[in-house]
Amino acid sequence: MTATNAPAPIRVMLVDDHEVVRRGIVTTIDASGNLQVAGEASSVAEANRRLPAIRPDVLVVDLQLPDGTGIDVMKHARSLDAEQTMIVLTSFDDDAAVRESRSAGASGLLLKSARSREIIEAITTVHEGGSVWPSDRVDDEPQLSDSDQRIVELIGDGHSNREIAERLGIAEKTVKNRVTVILQTLGMQRRTQVAAMVAARRRASWK
């Protein structure tokens, strides 16, 4: 009888100049079972130098680094891989941090005070295409129109642009343009993130 192969662990690269913080998160990740620390760095220069060889599934980066910011690291990571998934690590959950993180392409913001379970869940969520932003920022997010919300729901159902166009009776090009606007409005980069958001919202409504 052949044993079923276990899924490959999610490879994480951690960038933070505080060794105590880094060690704590590394310990949490290594103990999770489904995550693996693929690399570490304590500065922008070190992170940028190591990124091409590590190519992590998820990049977790501190906003404040001794020779620059996490934004610098994220921009470099995106220049290497336009689809790089990233989470910002910070001590302060403020509007500026959220705005900067979103603009750099991060899928979420993780406080250094987060519990082990929250860290694991956040990394897993963004790897699956979701996003993890502080709950008190939800009301600040721009609202979608009814038509765009309908498109979001259809994306959540797994429909392609063509299928959505047929269902709504509009041109496929129009759907493509609206999806672009929706992604920008939600601070997301991929349709899979929208689908994950819809799935998470539906799960929450079932509880």
N, C-alpha and C. Protein backbone atom coordinates (compact mmCIF):
# COMPACT_ATOMS: atom_id res chain seq x y z
N MET A 1 0.86 -1.19 0.00
CA MET A 1 0.00 0.00 0.00
C MET A 1 0.89 1.23 0.00
N THR A 2 0.66 2.16 -0.96
CA THR A 2 1.50 3.34 -1.07
C THR A 2 0.98 4.45 -0.19
N ALA A 3 1.88 5.03 0.60
CA ALA A 3 1.48 6.12 1.49
C ALA A 3 1.22 7.39 0.69
N THR A 4 0.26 8.17 1.14
CA THR A 4 -0.06 9.43 0.47
C THR A 4 1.01 10.47 0.82
N ASN A 5 1.54 11.12 -0.21
CA ASN A 5 2.55 12.14 0.02
C ASN A 5 1.94 13.35 0.71
N ALA A 6 2.60 13.85 1.73
CA ALA A 6 2.13 15.04 2.43
C ALA A 6 2.40 16.26 1.57
N PRO A 7 1.54 17.29 1.64
CA PRO A 7 1.77 18.50 0.84
C PRO A 7 3.07 19.18 1.26
N ALA A 8 3.72 19.81 0.31
CA ALA A 8 4.97 20.52 0.61
C ALA A 8 4.68 21.67 1.56
N PRO A 9 5.56 21.92 2.52
CA PRO A 9 5.33 23.01 3.45
C PRO A 9 5.40 24.37 2.76
N ILE A 10 4.72 25.35 3.31
CA ILE A 10 4.77 26.72 2.79
C ILE A 10 6.11 27.33 3.21
N ARG A 11 6.89 27.74 2.23
CA ARG A 11 8.24 28.26 2.51
C ARG A 11 8.16 29.76 2.81
N VAL A 12 8.67 30.12 3.97
CA VAL A 12 8.56 31.51 4.45
C VAL A 12 9.95 32.13 4.59
N MET A 13 10.08 33.38 4.14
CA MET A 13 11.30 34.14 4.41
C MET A 13 10.94 35.26 5.36
N LEU A 14 11.71 35.40 6.43
CA LEU A 14 11.44 36.38 7.47
C LEU A 14 12.52 37.46 7.48
N VAL A 15 12.09 38.72 7.39
CA VAL A 15 13.03 39.85 7.39
C VAL A 15 12.71 40.76 8.57
N ASP A 16 13.60 40.76 9.57
CA ASP A 16 13.42 41.60 10.76
C ASP A 16 14.78 41.76 11.43
N ASP A 17 15.09 42.96 11.86
CA ASP A 17 16.41 43.20 12.45
C ASP A 17 16.47 42.89 13.94
N HIS A 18 15.31 42.60 14.54
CA HIS A 18 15.31 42.25 15.97
C HIS A 18 15.39 40.73 16.12
N GLU A 19 16.52 40.26 16.61
CA GLU A 19 16.75 38.82 16.67
C GLU A 19 15.74 38.11 17.56
N VAL A 20 15.36 38.74 18.67
CA VAL A 20 14.40 38.11 19.59
C VAL A 20 13.06 37.88 18.88
N VAL A 21 12.61 38.89 18.13
CA VAL A 21 11.36 38.76 17.37
C VAL A 21 11.49 37.66 16.33
N ARG A 22 12.62 37.69 15.62
CA ARG A 22 12.85 36.70 14.55
C ARG A 22 12.84 35.29 15.11
N ARG A 23 13.55 35.09 16.21
CA ARG A 23 13.64 33.75 16.79
C ARG A 23 12.27 33.26 17.24
N GLY A 24 11.47 34.16 17.81
CA GLY A 24 10.15 33.77 18.26
C GLY A 24 9.26 33.32 17.11
N ILE A 25 9.31 34.07 16.00
CA ILE A 25 8.48 33.71 14.84
C ILE A 25 9.00 32.44 14.18
N VAL A 26 10.33 32.30 14.11
CA VAL A 26 10.92 31.10 13.52
C VAL A 26 10.48 29.86 14.31
N THR A 27 10.50 29.97 15.62
CA THR A 27 10.08 28.85 16.47
C THR A 27 8.62 28.50 16.22
N THR A 28 7.78 29.53 16.10
CA THR A 28 6.36 29.32 15.82
C THR A 28 6.15 28.62 14.49
N ILE A 29 6.86 29.09 13.46
CA ILE A 29 6.72 28.53 12.12
C ILE A 29 7.20 27.07 12.08
N ASP A 30 8.36 26.83 12.66
CA ASP A 30 8.92 25.48 12.63
C ASP A 30 8.05 24.46 13.39
N ALA A 31 7.30 24.96 14.37
CA ALA A 31 6.46 24.06 15.17
C ALA A 31 5.09 23.83 14.54
N SER A 32 4.79 24.55 13.47
CA SER A 32 3.45 24.50 12.88
C SER A 32 3.15 23.21 12.13
N GLY A 33 4.18 22.63 11.51
CA GLY A 33 3.97 21.41 10.75
C GLY A 33 3.78 21.64 9.27
N ASN A 34 3.09 22.73 8.90
CA ASN A 34 2.85 22.97 7.47
C ASN A 34 3.56 24.21 6.93
N LEU A 35 4.39 24.83 7.78
CA LEU A 35 5.20 25.96 7.35
C LEU A 35 6.68 25.65 7.57
N GLN A 36 7.52 26.33 6.80
CA GLN A 36 8.96 26.10 6.92
C GLN A 36 9.71 27.41 6.69
N VAL A 37 10.66 27.72 7.55
CA VAL A 37 11.48 28.92 7.36
C VAL A 37 12.53 28.62 6.30
N ALA A 38 12.39 29.28 5.15
CA ALA A 38 13.32 29.04 4.04
C ALA A 38 14.52 29.97 4.09
N GLY A 39 14.40 31.07 4.84
CA GLY A 39 15.50 32.01 4.92
C GLY A 39 15.17 33.16 5.85
N GLU A 40 16.22 33.84 6.31
CA GLU A 40 16.07 34.99 7.19
C GLU A 40 16.99 36.11 6.73
N ALA A 41 16.66 37.33 7.13
CA ALA A 41 17.51 38.48 6.84
C ALA A 41 17.22 39.54 7.90
N SER A 42 18.22 40.40 8.16
CA SER A 42 18.04 41.43 9.19
C SER A 42 18.16 42.84 8.63
N SER A 43 18.28 42.97 7.31
CA SER A 43 18.40 44.29 6.70
C SER A 43 17.88 44.25 5.27
N VAL A 44 17.68 45.42 4.69
CA VAL A 44 17.24 45.51 3.30
C VAL A 44 18.28 44.88 2.38
N ALA A 45 19.55 45.23 2.60
CA ALA A 45 20.62 44.73 1.75
C ALA A 45 20.71 43.21 1.79
N GLU A 46 20.64 42.66 2.99
CA GLU A 46 20.73 41.19 3.13
C GLU A 46 19.51 40.51 2.50
N ALA A 47 18.35 41.09 2.71
CA ALA A 47 17.13 40.50 2.15
C ALA A 47 17.17 40.51 0.63
N ASN A 48 17.55 41.65 0.05
CA ASN A 48 17.60 41.76 -1.41
C ASN A 48 18.64 40.83 -2.01
N ARG A 49 19.72 40.60 -1.27
CA ARG A 49 20.78 39.71 -1.76
C ARG A 49 20.34 38.25 -1.72
N ARG A 50 19.56 37.88 -0.71
CA ARG A 50 19.18 36.49 -0.53
C ARG A 50 17.90 36.09 -1.27
N LEU A 51 17.05 37.06 -1.56
CA LEU A 51 15.76 36.76 -2.20
C LEU A 51 15.85 35.93 -3.48
N PRO A 52 16.74 36.26 -4.42
CA PRO A 52 16.77 35.50 -5.67
C PRO A 52 17.01 34.01 -5.48
N ALA A 53 17.80 33.65 -4.46
CA ALA A 53 18.09 32.24 -4.22
C ALA A 53 16.98 31.55 -3.42
N ILE A 54 16.33 32.29 -2.54
CA ILE A 54 15.33 31.69 -1.66
C ILE A 54 13.96 31.56 -2.33
N ARG A 55 13.53 32.62 -3.02
CA ARG A 55 12.22 32.62 -3.69
C ARG A 55 11.14 32.02 -2.78
N PRO A 56 10.81 32.68 -1.67
CA PRO A 56 9.84 32.11 -0.72
C PRO A 56 8.42 32.12 -1.25
N ASP A 57 7.58 31.25 -0.68
CA ASP A 57 6.16 31.28 -1.00
C ASP A 57 5.52 32.53 -0.39
N VAL A 58 5.96 32.85 0.83
CA VAL A 58 5.46 34.03 1.53
C VAL A 58 6.63 34.79 2.13
N LEU A 59 6.67 36.09 1.87
CA LEU A 59 7.70 36.96 2.43
C LEU A 59 7.08 37.75 3.58
N VAL A 60 7.66 37.61 4.78
CA VAL A 60 7.19 38.34 5.96
C VAL A 60 8.27 39.36 6.30
N VAL A 61 7.94 40.65 6.19
CA VAL A 61 8.98 41.67 6.30
C VAL A 61 8.58 42.81 7.24
N ASP A 62 9.51 43.20 8.08
CA ASP A 62 9.32 44.31 9.01
C ASP A 62 9.32 45.62 8.23
N LEU A 63 8.49 46.58 8.65
CA LEU A 63 8.46 47.87 7.96
C LEU A 63 9.71 48.69 8.25
N GLN A 64 10.22 48.60 9.48
CA GLN A 64 11.38 49.41 9.87
C GLN A 64 12.64 48.56 9.93
N LEU A 65 13.59 48.86 9.05
CA LEU A 65 14.85 48.13 9.02
C LEU A 65 16.01 49.13 9.12
N PRO A 66 17.18 48.70 9.57
CA PRO A 66 18.28 49.64 9.83
C PRO A 66 18.78 50.40 8.61
N ASP A 67 18.64 49.82 7.43
CA ASP A 67 19.17 50.48 6.23
C ASP A 67 18.08 50.83 5.22
N GLY A 68 16.84 50.93 5.70
CA GLY A 68 15.74 51.25 4.79
C GLY A 68 14.42 50.80 5.39
N THR A 69 13.48 50.41 4.52
CA THR A 69 12.17 49.96 5.00
C THR A 69 11.76 48.66 4.33
N GLY A 70 10.75 48.04 4.92
CA GLY A 70 10.21 46.83 4.33
C GLY A 70 9.63 47.08 2.95
N ILE A 71 9.22 48.32 2.70
CA ILE A 71 8.69 48.67 1.38
C ILE A 71 9.76 48.46 0.32
N ASP A 72 11.00 48.82 0.65
CA ASP A 72 12.12 48.63 -0.29
C ASP A 72 12.29 47.14 -0.62
N VAL A 73 12.19 46.31 0.40
CA VAL A 73 12.34 44.87 0.20
C VAL A 73 11.20 44.33 -0.66
N MET A 74 9.98 44.77 -0.37
CA MET A 74 8.82 44.27 -1.11
C MET A 74 8.88 44.68 -2.58
N LYS A 75 9.32 45.90 -2.85
CA LYS A 75 9.44 46.35 -4.23
C LYS A 75 10.48 45.50 -4.98
N HIS A 76 11.58 45.18 -4.31
CA HIS A 76 12.59 44.34 -4.94
C HIS A 76 12.05 42.93 -5.18
N ALA A 77 11.30 42.42 -4.18
CA ALA A 77 10.73 41.08 -4.31
C ALA A 77 9.77 41.02 -5.50
N ARG A 78 8.97 42.06 -5.68
CA ARG A 78 8.04 42.10 -6.79
C ARG A 78 8.75 42.27 -8.14
N SER A 79 9.94 42.88 -8.13
CA SER A 79 10.70 42.99 -9.38
C SER A 79 11.24 41.64 -9.80
N LEU A 80 11.46 40.75 -8.83
CA LEU A 80 11.92 39.39 -9.12
C LEU A 80 10.76 38.47 -9.49
N ASP A 81 9.62 38.70 -8.84
CA ASP A 81 8.44 37.86 -9.06
C ASP A 81 7.20 38.72 -8.84
N ALA A 82 6.53 39.05 -9.92
CA ALA A 82 5.36 39.93 -9.84
C ALA A 82 4.23 39.36 -9.00
N GLU A 83 4.27 38.05 -8.74
CA GLU A 83 3.22 37.39 -7.98
C GLU A 83 3.64 37.09 -6.54
N GLN A 84 4.80 37.61 -6.12
CA GLN A 84 5.29 37.32 -4.78
C GLN A 84 4.26 37.70 -3.72
N THR A 85 3.95 36.76 -2.83
CA THR A 85 3.01 36.99 -1.74
C THR A 85 3.75 37.53 -0.53
N MET A 86 3.21 38.59 0.09
CA MET A 86 3.94 39.27 1.15
C MET A 86 3.03 39.71 2.30
N ILE A 87 3.58 39.69 3.50
CA ILE A 87 2.91 40.22 4.69
C ILE A 87 3.87 41.19 5.37
N VAL A 88 3.33 42.31 5.81
CA VAL A 88 4.13 43.28 6.55
C VAL A 88 4.08 42.96 8.04
N LEU A 89 5.22 43.04 8.67
CA LEU A 89 5.35 42.82 10.11
C LEU A 89 5.64 44.17 10.76
N THR A 90 4.84 44.56 11.74
CA THR A 90 5.04 45.88 12.33
C THR A 90 4.59 45.90 13.79
N SER A 91 5.10 46.87 14.51
CA SER A 91 4.69 47.05 15.91
C SER A 91 3.50 47.96 16.03
N PHE A 92 3.27 48.77 14.97
CA PHE A 92 2.22 49.78 15.04
C PHE A 92 1.20 49.61 13.92
N ASP A 93 -0.04 49.43 14.31
CA ASP A 93 -1.15 49.27 13.37
C ASP A 93 -1.76 50.64 13.11
N ASP A 94 -1.12 51.44 12.24
CA ASP A 94 -1.65 52.76 11.94
C ASP A 94 -2.03 52.86 10.46
N ASP A 95 -2.74 53.92 10.13
CA ASP A 95 -3.23 54.09 8.76
C ASP A 95 -2.09 54.16 7.76
N ALA A 96 -1.01 54.84 8.13
CA ALA A 96 0.12 54.98 7.21
C ALA A 96 0.73 53.63 6.88
N ALA A 97 0.86 52.78 7.90
CA ALA A 97 1.43 51.45 7.68
C ALA A 97 0.55 50.63 6.75
N VAL A 98 -0.76 50.72 6.94
CA VAL A 98 -1.69 49.98 6.09
C VAL A 98 -1.61 50.48 4.65
N ARG A 99 -1.61 51.81 4.48
CA ARG A 99 -1.56 52.38 3.13
C ARG A 99 -0.27 52.01 2.41
N GLU A 100 0.85 52.14 3.11
CA GLU A 100 2.15 51.81 2.51
C GLU A 100 2.23 50.34 2.14
N SER A 101 1.73 49.51 3.01
CA SER A 101 1.78 48.06 2.78
C SER A 101 0.93 47.67 1.58
N ARG A 102 -0.26 48.23 1.49
CA ARG A 102 -1.14 47.95 0.36
C ARG A 102 -0.50 48.40 -0.94
N SER A 103 0.05 49.62 -0.95
CA SER A 103 0.61 50.17 -2.18
C SER A 103 1.81 49.36 -2.66
N ALA A 104 2.51 48.72 -1.73
CA ALA A 104 3.68 47.92 -2.11
C ALA A 104 3.29 46.51 -2.54
N GLY A 105 1.99 46.17 -2.41
CA GLY A 105 1.53 44.86 -2.86
C GLY A 105 1.38 43.82 -1.78
N ALA A 106 1.48 44.23 -0.51
CA ALA A 106 1.32 43.27 0.58
C ALA A 106 -0.11 42.76 0.64
N SER A 107 -0.27 41.53 1.11
CA SER A 107 -1.60 40.93 1.25
C SER A 107 -2.13 41.06 2.67
N GLY A 108 -1.36 41.70 3.53
CA GLY A 108 -1.83 41.85 4.89
C GLY A 108 -0.80 42.48 5.80
N LEU A 109 -1.23 42.73 7.03
CA LEU A 109 -0.37 43.34 8.03
C LEU A 109 -0.47 42.52 9.30
N LEU A 110 0.68 42.16 9.85
CA LEU A 110 0.75 41.30 11.03
C LEU A 110 1.47 42.04 12.14
N LEU A 111 0.81 42.17 13.29
CA LEU A 111 1.44 42.83 14.42
C LEU A 111 2.44 41.90 15.10
N LYS A 112 3.55 42.48 15.58
CA LYS A 112 4.56 41.67 16.25
C LYS A 112 4.03 41.08 17.55
N SER A 113 2.95 41.65 18.04
CA SER A 113 2.34 41.13 19.28
C SER A 113 1.36 39.99 19.01
N ALA A 114 1.23 39.60 17.75
CA ALA A 114 0.27 38.54 17.39
C ALA A 114 0.64 37.22 18.07
N ARG A 115 -0.38 36.43 18.38
CA ARG A 115 -0.15 35.12 18.99
C ARG A 115 0.30 34.13 17.92
N SER A 116 0.88 33.04 18.36
CA SER A 116 1.40 32.02 17.45
C SER A 116 0.34 31.56 16.45
N ARG A 117 -0.87 31.27 16.94
CA ARG A 117 -1.94 30.81 16.07
C ARG A 117 -2.28 31.85 15.01
N GLU A 118 -2.27 33.12 15.38
CA GLU A 118 -2.59 34.20 14.45
C GLU A 118 -1.52 34.31 13.36
N ILE A 119 -0.27 34.10 13.74
CA ILE A 119 0.82 34.16 12.77
C ILE A 119 0.67 33.06 11.74
N ILE A 120 0.42 31.84 12.21
CA ILE A 120 0.27 30.69 11.31
C ILE A 120 -0.93 30.89 10.39
N GLU A 121 -2.05 31.33 10.96
CA GLU A 121 -3.26 31.53 10.16
C GLU A 121 -3.06 32.62 9.11
N ALA A 122 -2.36 33.70 9.47
CA ALA A 122 -2.14 34.80 8.54
C ALA A 122 -1.29 34.36 7.36
N ILE A 123 -0.21 33.66 7.63
CA ILE A 123 0.67 33.19 6.56
C ILE A 123 -0.06 32.20 5.66
N THR A 124 -0.80 31.30 6.26
CA THR A 124 -1.55 30.31 5.48
C THR A 124 -2.61 30.98 4.62
N THR A 125 -3.30 31.96 5.18
CA THR A 125 -4.37 32.66 4.46
C THR A 125 -3.84 33.38 3.22
N VAL A 126 -2.76 34.14 3.37
CA VAL A 126 -2.25 34.88 2.21
C VAL A 126 -1.66 33.94 1.17
N HIS A 127 -1.10 32.82 1.62
CA HIS A 127 -0.56 31.84 0.67
C HIS A 127 -1.68 31.25 -0.18
N GLU A 128 -2.87 31.15 0.40
CA GLU A 128 -4.02 30.60 -0.31
C GLU A 128 -4.75 31.66 -1.13
N GLY A 129 -4.21 32.87 -1.15
CA GLY A 129 -4.80 33.93 -1.97
C GLY A 129 -5.66 34.92 -1.21
N GLY A 130 -5.74 34.78 0.10
CA GLY A 130 -6.54 35.70 0.89
C GLY A 130 -5.75 36.90 1.35
N SER A 131 -6.35 37.70 2.22
CA SER A 131 -5.67 38.86 2.76
C SER A 131 -5.96 38.95 4.25
N VAL A 132 -5.06 39.58 5.00
CA VAL A 132 -5.23 39.70 6.46
C VAL A 132 -4.90 41.12 6.89
N TRP A 133 -5.94 41.95 6.92
CA TRP A 133 -5.78 43.32 7.37
C TRP A 133 -6.48 43.49 8.70
N PRO A 134 -6.01 44.42 9.53
CA PRO A 134 -6.64 44.64 10.83
C PRO A 134 -8.14 44.87 10.70
N SER A 135 -8.92 44.26 11.58
CA SER A 135 -10.38 44.34 11.48
C SER A 135 -10.89 45.75 11.61
N ASP A 136 -10.16 46.61 12.33
CA ASP A 136 -10.66 47.98 12.51
C ASP A 136 -10.39 48.85 11.29
N ARG A 137 -9.81 48.24 10.25
CA ARG A 137 -9.60 48.98 9.00
C ARG A 137 -10.69 48.67 7.97
N VAL A 138 -11.56 47.71 8.29
CA VAL A 138 -12.57 47.28 7.32
C VAL A 138 -13.47 48.43 6.93
N ASP A 139 -13.90 49.24 7.91
CA ASP A 139 -14.82 50.34 7.61
C ASP A 139 -14.18 51.42 6.77
N ASP A 140 -12.83 51.46 6.74
CA ASP A 140 -12.14 52.48 5.97
C ASP A 140 -12.00 52.10 4.51
N GLU A 141 -12.27 50.85 4.17
CA GLU A 141 -12.08 50.39 2.80
C GLU A 141 -13.18 50.94 1.90
N PRO A 142 -12.83 51.33 0.68
CA PRO A 142 -13.83 51.84 -0.26
C PRO A 142 -14.90 50.79 -0.52
N GLN A 143 -16.13 51.25 -0.69
CA GLN A 143 -17.24 50.34 -0.93
C GLN A 143 -17.41 50.08 -2.43
N LEU A 144 -17.77 48.85 -2.78
CA LEU A 144 -18.00 48.50 -4.17
C LEU A 144 -19.45 48.81 -4.54
N SER A 145 -19.67 49.12 -5.81
CA SER A 145 -21.02 49.33 -6.30
C SER A 145 -21.75 47.98 -6.31
N ASP A 146 -23.07 48.03 -6.45
CA ASP A 146 -23.85 46.80 -6.48
C ASP A 146 -23.43 45.89 -7.64
N SER A 147 -23.15 46.50 -8.80
CA SER A 147 -22.76 45.70 -9.97
C SER A 147 -21.39 45.07 -9.77
N ASP A 148 -20.47 45.84 -9.16
CA ASP A 148 -19.14 45.28 -8.90
C ASP A 148 -19.21 44.20 -7.83
N GLN A 149 -20.09 44.38 -6.85
CA GLN A 149 -20.25 43.36 -5.81
C GLN A 149 -20.78 42.07 -6.41
N ARG A 150 -21.65 42.20 -7.42
CA ARG A 150 -22.18 41.02 -8.12
C ARG A 150 -21.05 40.29 -8.83
N ILE A 151 -20.15 41.05 -9.45
CA ILE A 151 -19.00 40.45 -10.12
C ILE A 151 -18.12 39.73 -9.11
N VAL A 152 -17.93 40.34 -7.94
CA VAL A 152 -17.14 39.72 -6.88
C VAL A 152 -17.74 38.38 -6.48
N GLU A 153 -19.05 38.33 -6.32
CA GLU A 153 -19.72 37.08 -5.93
C GLU A 153 -19.54 36.01 -7.00
N LEU A 154 -19.61 36.42 -8.26
CA LEU A 154 -19.45 35.46 -9.36
C LEU A 154 -18.01 34.96 -9.45
N ILE A 155 -17.06 35.84 -9.15
CA ILE A 155 -15.66 35.40 -9.08
C ILE A 155 -15.53 34.36 -7.97
N GLY A 156 -16.21 34.63 -6.85
CA GLY A 156 -16.19 33.68 -5.74
C GLY A 156 -16.79 32.34 -6.10
N ASP A 157 -17.71 32.34 -7.08
CA ASP A 157 -18.32 31.09 -7.54
C ASP A 157 -17.45 30.37 -8.56
N GLY A 158 -16.34 31.00 -8.92
CA GLY A 158 -15.40 30.35 -9.85
C GLY A 158 -15.64 30.64 -11.32
N HIS A 159 -16.44 31.65 -11.64
CA HIS A 159 -16.74 31.95 -13.04
C HIS A 159 -15.64 32.76 -13.71
N SER A 160 -15.43 32.53 -14.98
CA SER A 160 -14.45 33.28 -15.78
C SER A 160 -15.07 34.61 -16.20
N ASN A 161 -14.26 35.50 -16.77
CA ASN A 161 -14.79 36.78 -17.25
C ASN A 161 -15.88 36.58 -18.30
N ARG A 162 -15.66 35.61 -19.18
CA ARG A 162 -16.66 35.34 -20.23
C ARG A 162 -17.98 34.89 -19.62
N GLU A 163 -17.90 34.00 -18.65
CA GLU A 163 -19.12 33.49 -18.01
C GLU A 163 -19.84 34.60 -17.25
N ILE A 164 -19.05 35.46 -16.60
CA ILE A 164 -19.65 36.58 -15.87
C ILE A 164 -20.35 37.52 -16.84
N ALA A 165 -19.70 37.79 -17.98
CA ALA A 165 -20.29 38.67 -19.00
C ALA A 165 -21.62 38.11 -19.50
N GLU A 166 -21.65 36.81 -19.72
CA GLU A 166 -22.88 36.17 -20.21
C GLU A 166 -24.00 36.27 -19.17
N ARG A 167 -23.65 36.07 -17.92
CA ARG A 167 -24.66 36.10 -16.86
C ARG A 167 -25.22 37.51 -16.64
N LEU A 168 -24.35 38.51 -16.78
CA LEU A 168 -24.76 39.89 -16.52
C LEU A 168 -25.23 40.62 -17.77
N GLY A 169 -25.02 39.99 -18.93
CA GLY A 169 -25.45 40.61 -20.17
C GLY A 169 -24.62 41.81 -20.57
N ILE A 170 -23.32 41.77 -20.29
CA ILE A 170 -22.42 42.86 -20.66
C ILE A 170 -21.24 42.29 -21.42
N ALA A 171 -20.41 43.17 -22.00
CA ALA A 171 -19.26 42.74 -22.79
C ALA A 171 -18.17 42.15 -21.90
N GLU A 172 -17.47 41.15 -22.41
CA GLU A 172 -16.38 40.54 -21.65
C GLU A 172 -15.31 41.57 -21.32
N LYS A 173 -15.05 42.50 -22.26
CA LYS A 173 -14.06 43.54 -22.02
C LYS A 173 -14.46 44.42 -20.84
N THR A 174 -15.76 44.67 -20.72
CA THR A 174 -16.26 45.47 -19.59
C THR A 174 -15.99 44.75 -18.28
N VAL A 175 -16.23 43.45 -18.26
CA VAL A 175 -15.97 42.67 -17.05
C VAL A 175 -14.49 42.73 -16.69
N LYS A 176 -13.63 42.58 -17.69
CA LYS A 176 -12.19 42.62 -17.45
C LYS A 176 -11.78 43.95 -16.84
N ASN A 177 -12.34 45.04 -17.37
CA ASN A 177 -12.02 46.38 -16.84
C ASN A 177 -12.53 46.54 -15.41
N ARG A 178 -13.74 46.03 -15.14
CA ARG A 178 -14.30 46.15 -13.79
C ARG A 178 -13.51 45.31 -12.79
N VAL A 179 -13.04 44.15 -13.22
CA VAL A 179 -12.23 43.31 -12.32
C VAL A 179 -10.96 44.06 -11.92
N THR A 180 -10.35 44.75 -12.88
CA THR A 180 -9.15 45.54 -12.59
C THR A 180 -9.45 46.60 -11.53
N VAL A 181 -10.58 47.28 -11.69
CA VAL A 181 -10.98 48.32 -10.72
C VAL A 181 -11.27 47.70 -9.36
N ILE A 182 -11.93 46.55 -9.36
CA ILE A 182 -12.25 45.86 -8.11
C ILE A 182 -10.98 45.49 -7.35
N LEU A 183 -9.99 44.95 -8.06
CA LEU A 183 -8.73 44.58 -7.43
C LEU A 183 -8.06 45.79 -6.81
N GLN A 184 -8.05 46.90 -7.55
CA GLN A 184 -7.44 48.12 -7.05
C GLN A 184 -8.18 48.64 -5.82
N THR A 185 -9.51 48.59 -5.87
CA THR A 185 -10.32 49.07 -4.76
C THR A 185 -10.10 48.26 -3.49
N LEU A 186 -9.97 46.95 -3.66
CA LEU A 186 -9.79 46.06 -2.51
C LEU A 186 -8.33 45.93 -2.08
N GLY A 187 -7.43 46.54 -2.84
CA GLY A 187 -6.01 46.44 -2.51
C GLY A 187 -5.46 45.04 -2.75
N MET A 188 -5.97 44.37 -3.77
CA MET A 188 -5.55 43.02 -4.10
C MET A 188 -4.86 43.00 -5.46
N GLN A 189 -4.18 41.88 -5.76
CA GLN A 189 -3.46 41.76 -7.02
C GLN A 189 -4.00 40.65 -7.92
N ARG A 190 -4.72 39.69 -7.34
CA ARG A 190 -5.13 38.52 -8.12
C ARG A 190 -6.59 38.16 -7.86
N ARG A 191 -7.21 37.54 -8.85
CA ARG A 191 -8.60 37.07 -8.71
C ARG A 191 -8.71 36.06 -7.59
N THR A 192 -7.66 35.25 -7.40
CA THR A 192 -7.72 34.22 -6.36
C THR A 192 -7.88 34.85 -4.98
N GLN A 193 -7.36 36.07 -4.79
CA GLN A 193 -7.53 36.75 -3.52
C GLN A 193 -8.99 37.15 -3.31
N VAL A 194 -9.64 37.59 -4.39
CA VAL A 194 -11.06 37.94 -4.32
C VAL A 194 -11.89 36.70 -3.99
N ALA A 195 -11.58 35.59 -4.68
CA ALA A 195 -12.30 34.34 -4.43
C ALA A 195 -12.13 33.89 -2.98
N ALA A 196 -10.90 34.02 -2.47
CA ALA A 196 -10.64 33.63 -1.08
C ALA A 196 -11.41 34.52 -0.11
N MET A 197 -11.49 35.81 -0.42
CA MET A 197 -12.24 36.74 0.42
C MET A 197 -13.72 36.36 0.47
N VAL A 198 -14.28 36.04 -0.69
CA VAL A 198 -15.69 35.65 -0.76
C VAL A 198 -15.92 34.37 0.04
N ALA A 199 -15.01 33.40 -0.12
CA ALA A 199 -15.14 32.13 0.60
C ALA A 199 -15.09 32.34 2.11
N ALA A 200 -14.16 33.20 2.55
CA ALA A 200 -14.03 33.47 3.98
C ALA A 200 -15.28 34.16 4.52
N ARG A 201 -15.83 35.09 3.74
CA ARG A 201 -17.03 35.80 4.15
C ARG A 201 -18.22 34.85 4.26
N ARG A 202 -18.30 33.91 3.30
CA ARG A 202 -19.40 32.95 3.34
C ARG A 202 -19.27 31.99 4.51
N ARG A 203 -18.03 31.58 4.79
CA ARG A 203 -17.82 30.69 5.95
C ARG A 203 -18.24 31.38 7.23
N ALA A 204 -17.89 32.68 7.34
CA ALA A 204 -18.22 33.44 8.54
C ALA A 204 -19.73 33.57 8.73
N SER A 205 -20.45 33.69 7.60
CA SER A 205 -21.90 33.84 7.69
C SER A 205 -22.59 32.55 8.09
N TRP A 206 -21.89 31.43 7.88
CA TRP A 206 -22.48 30.13 8.22
C TRP A 206 -22.34 29.81 9.70
N LYS A 207 -21.41 30.49 10.37
CA LYS A 207 -21.16 30.17 11.77
C LYS A 207 -22.27 30.71 12.68
